[in-house]
Amino acid sequence: MADFDTFRDTLLDRLKALAVDQWTDVKDAAVSDGLAFVTKTEADLVRWTNLLAADALTPEDFTWLVQGKRDLVEMESLKQLGLGLAQLDRFRSSLLDTVVGTAFDVFLP
């Protein structure tokens, strides 16, 4: 069974790839804000991924829980660069989708 360290490492790699692919002009800020979100929500992510791996939490419930942390994606670095609200919301959605997709890839058979 995969562990949280594997999830975190995979997630960080995917966040970096997301930043390079979709946020080239502000990739360092995007990575910084993505890492801040992962750090801020790590305790919840540990608990939820353990439940997901143990089949005690459905993929839909996991997705709902992660989406519930939407307001914790503060994007301080991206805001300082002057990105508009639509761009910030697009980043937030991409980040949360990346978290969910990575969890499914790492923890679900």
N, C-alpha and C. Protein backbone atom coordinates (compact mmCIF):
# COMPACT_ATOMS: atom_id res chain seq x y z
N MET A 1 0.83 -1.18 0.00
CA MET A 1 0.00 0.00 0.00
C MET A 1 0.88 1.25 0.00
N ALA A 2 0.47 2.23 -0.77
CA ALA A 2 1.20 3.49 -0.84
C ALA A 2 1.09 4.23 0.49
N ASP A 3 2.03 5.10 0.74
CA ASP A 3 1.99 5.89 1.96
C ASP A 3 1.87 7.38 1.62
N PHE A 4 1.70 8.19 2.63
CA PHE A 4 1.49 9.61 2.40
C PHE A 4 2.72 10.27 1.79
N ASP A 5 3.91 9.81 2.16
CA ASP A 5 5.12 10.40 1.58
C ASP A 5 5.16 10.22 0.07
N THR A 6 4.74 9.05 -0.39
CA THR A 6 4.67 8.79 -1.83
C THR A 6 3.66 9.74 -2.48
N PHE A 7 2.51 9.89 -1.84
CA PHE A 7 1.48 10.80 -2.33
C PHE A 7 2.03 12.23 -2.41
N ARG A 8 2.63 12.69 -1.33
CA ARG A 8 3.15 14.07 -1.29
C ARG A 8 4.21 14.28 -2.36
N ASP A 9 5.14 13.34 -2.51
CA ASP A 9 6.18 13.48 -3.52
C ASP A 9 5.60 13.52 -4.93
N THR A 10 4.66 12.63 -5.19
CA THR A 10 4.01 12.59 -6.50
C THR A 10 3.23 13.88 -6.74
N LEU A 11 2.53 14.34 -5.72
CA LEU A 11 1.75 15.57 -5.83
C LEU A 11 2.66 16.76 -6.11
N LEU A 12 3.77 16.86 -5.43
CA LEU A 12 4.68 17.98 -5.65
C LEU A 12 5.24 17.95 -7.07
N ASP A 13 5.56 16.76 -7.57
CA ASP A 13 6.02 16.65 -8.95
C ASP A 13 4.94 17.11 -9.92
N ARG A 14 3.71 16.73 -9.65
CA ARG A 14 2.60 17.12 -10.53
C ARG A 14 2.29 18.61 -10.43
N LEU A 15 2.45 19.18 -9.25
CA LEU A 15 2.26 20.62 -9.10
C LEU A 15 3.30 21.39 -9.91
N LYS A 16 4.53 20.92 -9.87
CA LYS A 16 5.58 21.56 -10.65
C LYS A 16 5.29 21.44 -12.14
N ALA A 17 4.83 20.27 -12.57
CA ALA A 17 4.48 20.08 -13.98
C ALA A 17 3.31 20.97 -14.38
N LEU A 18 2.31 21.08 -13.51
CA LEU A 18 1.16 21.94 -13.76
C LEU A 18 1.62 23.39 -13.92
N ALA A 19 2.51 23.82 -13.05
CA ALA A 19 3.00 25.20 -13.11
C ALA A 19 3.75 25.45 -14.41
N VAL A 20 4.55 24.51 -14.84
CA VAL A 20 5.31 24.67 -16.08
C VAL A 20 4.38 24.65 -17.29
N ASP A 21 3.40 23.74 -17.28
CA ASP A 21 2.50 23.58 -18.42
C ASP A 21 1.49 24.71 -18.56
N GLN A 22 0.88 25.12 -17.44
CA GLN A 22 -0.23 26.06 -17.52
C GLN A 22 0.07 27.44 -16.96
N TRP A 23 1.12 27.58 -16.20
CA TRP A 23 1.40 28.84 -15.52
C TRP A 23 2.85 29.26 -15.74
N THR A 24 3.34 29.10 -16.96
CA THR A 24 4.75 29.31 -17.28
C THR A 24 5.27 30.66 -16.80
N ASP A 25 4.50 31.71 -17.04
CA ASP A 25 4.97 33.05 -16.70
C ASP A 25 5.10 33.28 -15.20
N VAL A 26 4.35 32.50 -14.42
CA VAL A 26 4.34 32.68 -12.96
C VAL A 26 4.57 31.34 -12.25
N LYS A 27 5.35 30.47 -12.89
CA LYS A 27 5.47 29.10 -12.37
C LYS A 27 6.02 29.04 -10.95
N ASP A 28 6.99 29.87 -10.60
CA ASP A 28 7.54 29.82 -9.24
C ASP A 28 6.49 30.19 -8.20
N ALA A 29 5.69 31.20 -8.51
CA ALA A 29 4.62 31.61 -7.59
C ALA A 29 3.55 30.52 -7.50
N ALA A 30 3.24 29.89 -8.63
CA ALA A 30 2.23 28.82 -8.63
C ALA A 30 2.70 27.64 -7.78
N VAL A 31 3.96 27.25 -7.93
CA VAL A 31 4.50 26.16 -7.12
C VAL A 31 4.50 26.55 -5.65
N SER A 32 4.90 27.76 -5.35
CA SER A 32 4.93 28.23 -3.96
C SER A 32 3.54 28.18 -3.33
N ASP A 33 2.55 28.67 -4.05
CA ASP A 33 1.19 28.67 -3.52
C ASP A 33 0.62 27.26 -3.42
N GLY A 34 0.96 26.40 -4.36
CA GLY A 34 0.53 25.00 -4.27
C GLY A 34 1.13 24.29 -3.07
N LEU A 35 2.41 24.52 -2.84
CA LEU A 35 3.08 23.92 -1.68
C LEU A 35 2.49 24.46 -0.37
N ALA A 36 2.16 25.73 -0.35
CA ALA A 36 1.56 26.31 0.86
C ALA A 36 0.23 25.64 1.17
N PHE A 37 -0.57 25.36 0.14
CA PHE A 37 -1.84 24.69 0.35
C PHE A 37 -1.63 23.28 0.89
N VAL A 38 -0.70 22.54 0.30
CA VAL A 38 -0.44 21.17 0.75
C VAL A 38 0.03 21.18 2.20
N THR A 39 0.91 22.10 2.54
CA THR A 39 1.40 22.20 3.91
C THR A 39 0.27 22.54 4.88
N LYS A 40 -0.57 23.49 4.49
CA LYS A 40 -1.65 23.94 5.36
C LYS A 40 -2.70 22.85 5.60
N THR A 41 -2.91 22.00 4.62
CA THR A 41 -3.95 20.98 4.71
C THR A 41 -3.39 19.58 4.94
N GLU A 42 -2.11 19.48 5.23
CA GLU A 42 -1.46 18.16 5.32
C GLU A 42 -2.13 17.23 6.33
N ALA A 43 -2.48 17.71 7.50
CA ALA A 43 -3.10 16.83 8.50
C ALA A 43 -4.40 16.23 7.96
N ASP A 44 -5.21 17.06 7.32
CA ASP A 44 -6.45 16.55 6.73
C ASP A 44 -6.15 15.58 5.59
N LEU A 45 -5.20 15.94 4.74
CA LEU A 45 -4.87 15.06 3.61
C LEU A 45 -4.35 13.71 4.08
N VAL A 46 -3.57 13.71 5.15
CA VAL A 46 -3.08 12.43 5.71
C VAL A 46 -4.28 11.58 6.14
N ARG A 47 -5.16 12.17 6.90
CA ARG A 47 -6.33 11.44 7.40
C ARG A 47 -7.20 10.94 6.24
N TRP A 48 -7.50 11.82 5.31
CA TRP A 48 -8.40 11.46 4.21
C TRP A 48 -7.80 10.44 3.26
N THR A 49 -6.50 10.56 2.97
CA THR A 49 -5.89 9.57 2.07
C THR A 49 -5.81 8.21 2.75
N ASN A 50 -5.59 8.19 4.05
CA ASN A 50 -5.61 6.91 4.78
C ASN A 50 -6.99 6.27 4.69
N LEU A 51 -8.03 7.06 4.87
CA LEU A 51 -9.39 6.55 4.76
C LEU A 51 -9.71 6.10 3.34
N LEU A 52 -9.25 6.85 2.37
CA LEU A 52 -9.45 6.50 0.97
C LEU A 52 -8.76 5.17 0.66
N ALA A 53 -7.52 5.03 1.11
CA ALA A 53 -6.77 3.80 0.86
C ALA A 53 -7.40 2.59 1.55
N ALA A 54 -8.01 2.82 2.72
CA ALA A 54 -8.64 1.74 3.47
C ALA A 54 -10.07 1.46 3.00
N ASP A 55 -10.48 2.16 1.95
CA ASP A 55 -11.84 2.00 1.39
C ASP A 55 -12.90 2.41 2.40
N ALA A 56 -12.53 3.28 3.33
CA ALA A 56 -13.48 3.79 4.32
C ALA A 56 -14.05 5.14 3.90
N LEU A 57 -13.59 5.63 2.76
CA LEU A 57 -14.04 6.90 2.21
C LEU A 57 -14.17 6.70 0.70
N THR A 58 -15.32 7.07 0.17
CA THR A 58 -15.51 6.91 -1.28
C THR A 58 -14.74 7.98 -2.03
N PRO A 59 -14.43 7.72 -3.29
CA PRO A 59 -13.78 8.76 -4.10
C PRO A 59 -14.60 10.05 -4.15
N GLU A 60 -15.90 9.92 -4.20
CA GLU A 60 -16.76 11.10 -4.24
C GLU A 60 -16.65 11.90 -2.94
N ASP A 61 -16.64 11.19 -1.80
CA ASP A 61 -16.50 11.86 -0.51
C ASP A 61 -15.14 12.53 -0.39
N PHE A 62 -14.09 11.85 -0.85
CA PHE A 62 -12.76 12.43 -0.81
C PHE A 62 -12.72 13.71 -1.64
N THR A 63 -13.28 13.65 -2.83
CA THR A 63 -13.31 14.83 -3.70
C THR A 63 -14.05 15.97 -3.02
N TRP A 64 -15.18 15.67 -2.42
CA TRP A 64 -15.97 16.68 -1.73
C TRP A 64 -15.18 17.32 -0.59
N LEU A 65 -14.46 16.50 0.18
CA LEU A 65 -13.67 17.02 1.29
C LEU A 65 -12.55 17.93 0.80
N VAL A 66 -11.85 17.51 -0.23
CA VAL A 66 -10.77 18.35 -0.77
C VAL A 66 -11.33 19.64 -1.33
N GLN A 67 -12.42 19.55 -2.07
CA GLN A 67 -13.05 20.76 -2.62
C GLN A 67 -13.51 21.70 -1.50
N GLY A 68 -13.83 21.14 -0.36
CA GLY A 68 -14.23 21.95 0.79
C GLY A 68 -13.10 22.81 1.34
N LYS A 69 -11.89 22.48 1.00
CA LYS A 69 -10.72 23.26 1.43
C LYS A 69 -10.38 24.38 0.44
N ARG A 70 -11.26 24.59 -0.52
CA ARG A 70 -11.05 25.57 -1.59
C ARG A 70 -10.64 26.95 -1.05
N ASP A 71 -11.25 27.36 0.02
CA ASP A 71 -10.95 28.69 0.57
C ASP A 71 -9.56 28.77 1.21
N LEU A 72 -8.94 27.63 1.46
CA LEU A 72 -7.60 27.65 2.06
C LEU A 72 -6.50 27.84 1.02
N VAL A 73 -6.87 27.80 -0.26
CA VAL A 73 -5.89 28.08 -1.31
C VAL A 73 -5.76 29.59 -1.39
N GLU A 74 -4.80 30.13 -0.67
CA GLU A 74 -4.71 31.58 -0.50
C GLU A 74 -4.06 32.29 -1.68
N MET A 75 -3.14 31.67 -2.35
CA MET A 75 -2.49 32.20 -3.55
C MET A 75 -1.83 33.55 -3.33
N GLU A 76 -1.15 33.71 -2.23
CA GLU A 76 -0.50 34.97 -1.91
C GLU A 76 0.53 35.37 -2.96
N SER A 77 1.34 34.42 -3.38
CA SER A 77 2.38 34.75 -4.37
C SER A 77 1.77 35.17 -5.70
N LEU A 78 0.73 34.45 -6.13
CA LEU A 78 0.08 34.80 -7.39
C LEU A 78 -0.65 36.14 -7.30
N LYS A 79 -1.25 36.42 -6.16
CA LYS A 79 -1.93 37.71 -5.98
C LYS A 79 -0.93 38.86 -6.08
N GLN A 80 0.26 38.66 -5.51
CA GLN A 80 1.27 39.71 -5.54
C GLN A 80 1.72 40.01 -6.96
N LEU A 81 1.58 39.03 -7.85
CA LEU A 81 1.96 39.24 -9.24
C LEU A 81 0.83 39.90 -10.04
N GLY A 82 -0.30 40.11 -9.40
CA GLY A 82 -1.39 40.84 -10.03
C GLY A 82 -2.31 40.01 -10.91
N LEU A 83 -2.38 38.71 -10.70
CA LEU A 83 -3.30 37.90 -11.48
C LEU A 83 -4.74 38.27 -11.16
N GLY A 84 -5.59 38.20 -12.16
CA GLY A 84 -7.00 38.53 -11.98
C GLY A 84 -7.75 37.42 -11.28
N LEU A 85 -8.96 37.73 -10.84
CA LEU A 85 -9.77 36.76 -10.11
C LEU A 85 -10.05 35.50 -10.93
N ALA A 86 -10.31 35.65 -12.21
CA ALA A 86 -10.58 34.49 -13.06
C ALA A 86 -9.36 33.58 -13.14
N GLN A 87 -8.19 34.17 -13.26
CA GLN A 87 -6.96 33.38 -13.32
C GLN A 87 -6.70 32.68 -11.99
N LEU A 88 -6.93 33.38 -10.90
CA LEU A 88 -6.74 32.80 -9.58
C LEU A 88 -7.70 31.65 -9.35
N ASP A 89 -8.94 31.80 -9.79
CA ASP A 89 -9.92 30.73 -9.64
C ASP A 89 -9.55 29.52 -10.50
N ARG A 90 -9.03 29.79 -11.68
CA ARG A 90 -8.59 28.68 -12.56
C ARG A 90 -7.43 27.93 -11.92
N PHE A 91 -6.49 28.66 -11.31
CA PHE A 91 -5.39 27.99 -10.62
C PHE A 91 -5.91 27.16 -9.46
N ARG A 92 -6.80 27.74 -8.67
CA ARG A 92 -7.36 27.03 -7.51
C ARG A 92 -8.02 25.72 -7.96
N SER A 93 -8.80 25.78 -9.01
CA SER A 93 -9.47 24.58 -9.52
C SER A 93 -8.46 23.55 -10.01
N SER A 94 -7.46 23.99 -10.73
CA SER A 94 -6.42 23.08 -11.23
C SER A 94 -5.67 22.42 -10.09
N LEU A 95 -5.37 23.20 -9.07
CA LEU A 95 -4.66 22.67 -7.91
C LEU A 95 -5.48 21.59 -7.21
N LEU A 96 -6.74 21.87 -6.95
CA LEU A 96 -7.59 20.89 -6.25
C LEU A 96 -7.80 19.64 -7.10
N ASP A 97 -7.97 19.81 -8.41
CA ASP A 97 -8.09 18.66 -9.31
C ASP A 97 -6.82 17.81 -9.28
N THR A 98 -5.67 18.46 -9.19
CA THR A 98 -4.40 17.76 -9.13
C THR A 98 -4.28 16.97 -7.83
N VAL A 99 -4.69 17.55 -6.73
CA VAL A 99 -4.66 16.85 -5.44
C VAL A 99 -5.54 15.60 -5.50
N VAL A 100 -6.76 15.76 -5.98
CA VAL A 100 -7.70 14.64 -6.05
C VAL A 100 -7.18 13.56 -7.01
N GLY A 101 -6.78 13.95 -8.19
CA GLY A 101 -6.29 12.98 -9.17
C GLY A 101 -5.07 12.23 -8.69
N THR A 102 -4.17 12.92 -8.02
CA THR A 102 -2.97 12.27 -7.49
C THR A 102 -3.35 11.26 -6.41
N ALA A 103 -4.26 11.63 -5.53
CA ALA A 103 -4.70 10.70 -4.48
C ALA A 103 -5.30 9.44 -5.10
N PHE A 104 -6.13 9.61 -6.11
CA PHE A 104 -6.74 8.46 -6.75
C PHE A 104 -5.70 7.57 -7.40
N ASP A 105 -4.73 8.19 -8.07
CA ASP A 105 -3.67 7.41 -8.74
C ASP A 105 -2.79 6.66 -7.74
N VAL A 106 -2.53 7.28 -6.60
CA VAL A 106 -1.62 6.68 -5.63
C VAL A 106 -2.32 5.67 -4.73
N PHE A 107 -3.54 5.97 -4.30
CA PHE A 107 -4.17 5.15 -3.28
C PHE A 107 -5.25 4.18 -3.76
N LEU A 108 -5.80 4.41 -4.93
CA LEU A 108 -6.85 3.51 -5.40
C LEU A 108 -6.25 2.49 -6.37
N PRO A 109 -6.72 1.26 -6.24
CA PRO A 109 -6.16 0.20 -7.11
C PRO A 109 -6.54 0.39 -8.57
